[in-house]
C-alpha atoms as a PDB file:
ATOM      1  CA  UNK A   1      -1.497 -16.817  11.396  1.00  0.00           C
ATOM      2  CA  UNK A   2       1.930 -17.530  12.201  1.00  0.00           C
ATOM      3  CA  UNK A   3       3.873 -14.594  13.901  1.00  0.00           C
ATOM      4  CA  UNK A   4       5.531 -14.421  10.955  1.00  0.00           C
ATOM      5  CA  UNK A   5       3.015 -13.467   8.816  1.00  0.00           C
ATOM      6  CA  UNK A   6       1.592 -10.677  11.208  1.00  0.00           C
ATOM      7  CA  UNK A   7       5.554  -9.330  10.997  1.00  0.00           C
ATOM      8  CA  UNK A   8       5.093  -8.726   7.601  1.00  0.00           C
ATOM      9  CA  UNK A   9       1.700  -7.376   7.609  1.00  0.00           C
ATOM     10  CA  UNK A  10       2.972  -4.964  10.116  1.00  0.00           C
ATOM     11  CA  UNK A  11       5.893  -4.438   8.007  1.00  0.00           C
ATOM     12  CA  UNK A  12       3.305  -3.847   5.073  1.00  0.00           C
ATOM     13  CA  UNK A  13       0.880  -1.611   7.029  1.00  0.00           C
ATOM     14  CA  UNK A  14       3.693   0.828   8.100  1.00  0.00           C
ATOM     15  CA  UNK A  15       4.822   1.024   4.740  1.00  0.00           C
ATOM     16  CA  UNK A  16       1.630   1.819   3.309  1.00  0.00           C
ATOM     17  CA  UNK A  17       1.836   4.459   6.102  1.00  0.00           C
ATOM     18  CA  UNK A  18       4.742   6.339   5.475  1.00  0.00           C
ATOM     19  CA  UNK A  19       3.826   6.565   1.971  1.00  0.00           C
ATOM     20  CA  UNK A  20       1.287   8.043   2.530  1.00  0.00           C
ATOM     21  CA  UNK A  21       3.245  10.058   5.804  1.00  0.00           C
ATOM     22  CA  UNK A  22       5.362  11.324   2.544  1.00  0.00           C
ATOM     23  CA  UNK A  23       2.724  13.011   0.590  1.00  0.00           C
ATOM     24  CA  UNK A  24       1.715  16.613   0.405  1.00  0.00           C
ATOM     25  CA  UNK A  25      -0.731  17.238   3.065  1.00  0.00           C
ATOM     26  CA  UNK A  26      -3.415  18.251   0.761  1.00  0.00           C
ATOM     27  CA  UNK A  27      -3.515  14.673  -0.154  1.00  0.00           C
ATOM     28  CA  UNK A  28      -2.934  12.476   2.776  1.00  0.00           C
ATOM     29  CA  UNK A  29      -6.619  12.608   4.477  1.00  0.00           C
ATOM     30  CA  UNK A  30      -7.691  10.421   0.762  1.00  0.00           C
ATOM     31  CA  UNK A  31      -4.744   8.656   1.583  1.00  0.00           C
ATOM     32  CA  UNK A  32      -5.681   7.530   4.740  1.00  0.00           C
ATOM     33  CA  UNK A  33      -9.929   6.942   3.862  1.00  0.00           C
ATOM     34  CA  UNK A  34      -8.515   4.820   0.813  1.00  0.00           C
ATOM     35  CA  UNK A  35      -5.892   2.769   3.600  1.00  0.00           C
ATOM     36  CA  UNK A  36      -8.772   2.868   6.067  1.00  0.00           C
ATOM     37  CA  UNK A  37     -11.793   1.003   3.178  1.00  0.00           C
ATOM     38  CA  UNK A  38      -9.180  -1.439   2.171  1.00  0.00           C
ATOM     39  CA  UNK A  39      -8.180  -2.560   6.090  1.00  0.00           C
ATOM     40  CA  UNK A  40     -12.120  -2.376   6.679  1.00  0.00           C
ATOM     41  CA  UNK A  41     -12.548  -4.635   3.648  1.00  0.00           C
ATOM     42  CA  UNK A  42     -10.423  -6.740   5.095  1.00  0.00           C
ATOM     43  CA  UNK A  43     -11.816  -7.217   8.387  1.00  0.00           C
ATOM     44  CA  UNK A  44     -14.731  -7.499   7.347  1.00  0.00           C
ATOM     45  CA  UNK A  45     -13.967 -11.027   4.814  1.00  0.00           C
ATOM     46  CA  UNK A  46     -11.596 -12.200   7.626  1.00  0.00           C
ATOM     47  CA  UNK A  47     -13.690 -14.997   9.150  1.00  0.00           C
ATOM     48  CA  UNK A  48     -14.892 -14.513  12.865  1.00  0.00           C
ATOM     49  CA  UNK A  49     -13.032 -15.763  15.336  1.00  0.00           C
ATOM     50  CA  UNK A  50     -14.373 -17.464  17.964  1.00  0.00           C
ATOM     51  CA  UNK A  51     -14.627 -15.614  22.373  1.00  0.00           C
ATOM     52  CA  UNK A  52     -11.623 -16.482  23.833  1.00  0.00           C
ATOM     53  CA  UNK A  53      -9.086 -16.855  20.639  1.00  0.00           C
END
């Protein structure tokens, strides 16, 4: 993954967290749970990196 790609992923995550934080308190937990589920799914689908990579 290039540095540019990592920067775009970071910006996207920060943007989504800002959206969640702007929601009323009552809906934040569900929004964070949804974000967690999506990120966990993406990690599970990612190819395994060799040790030391």
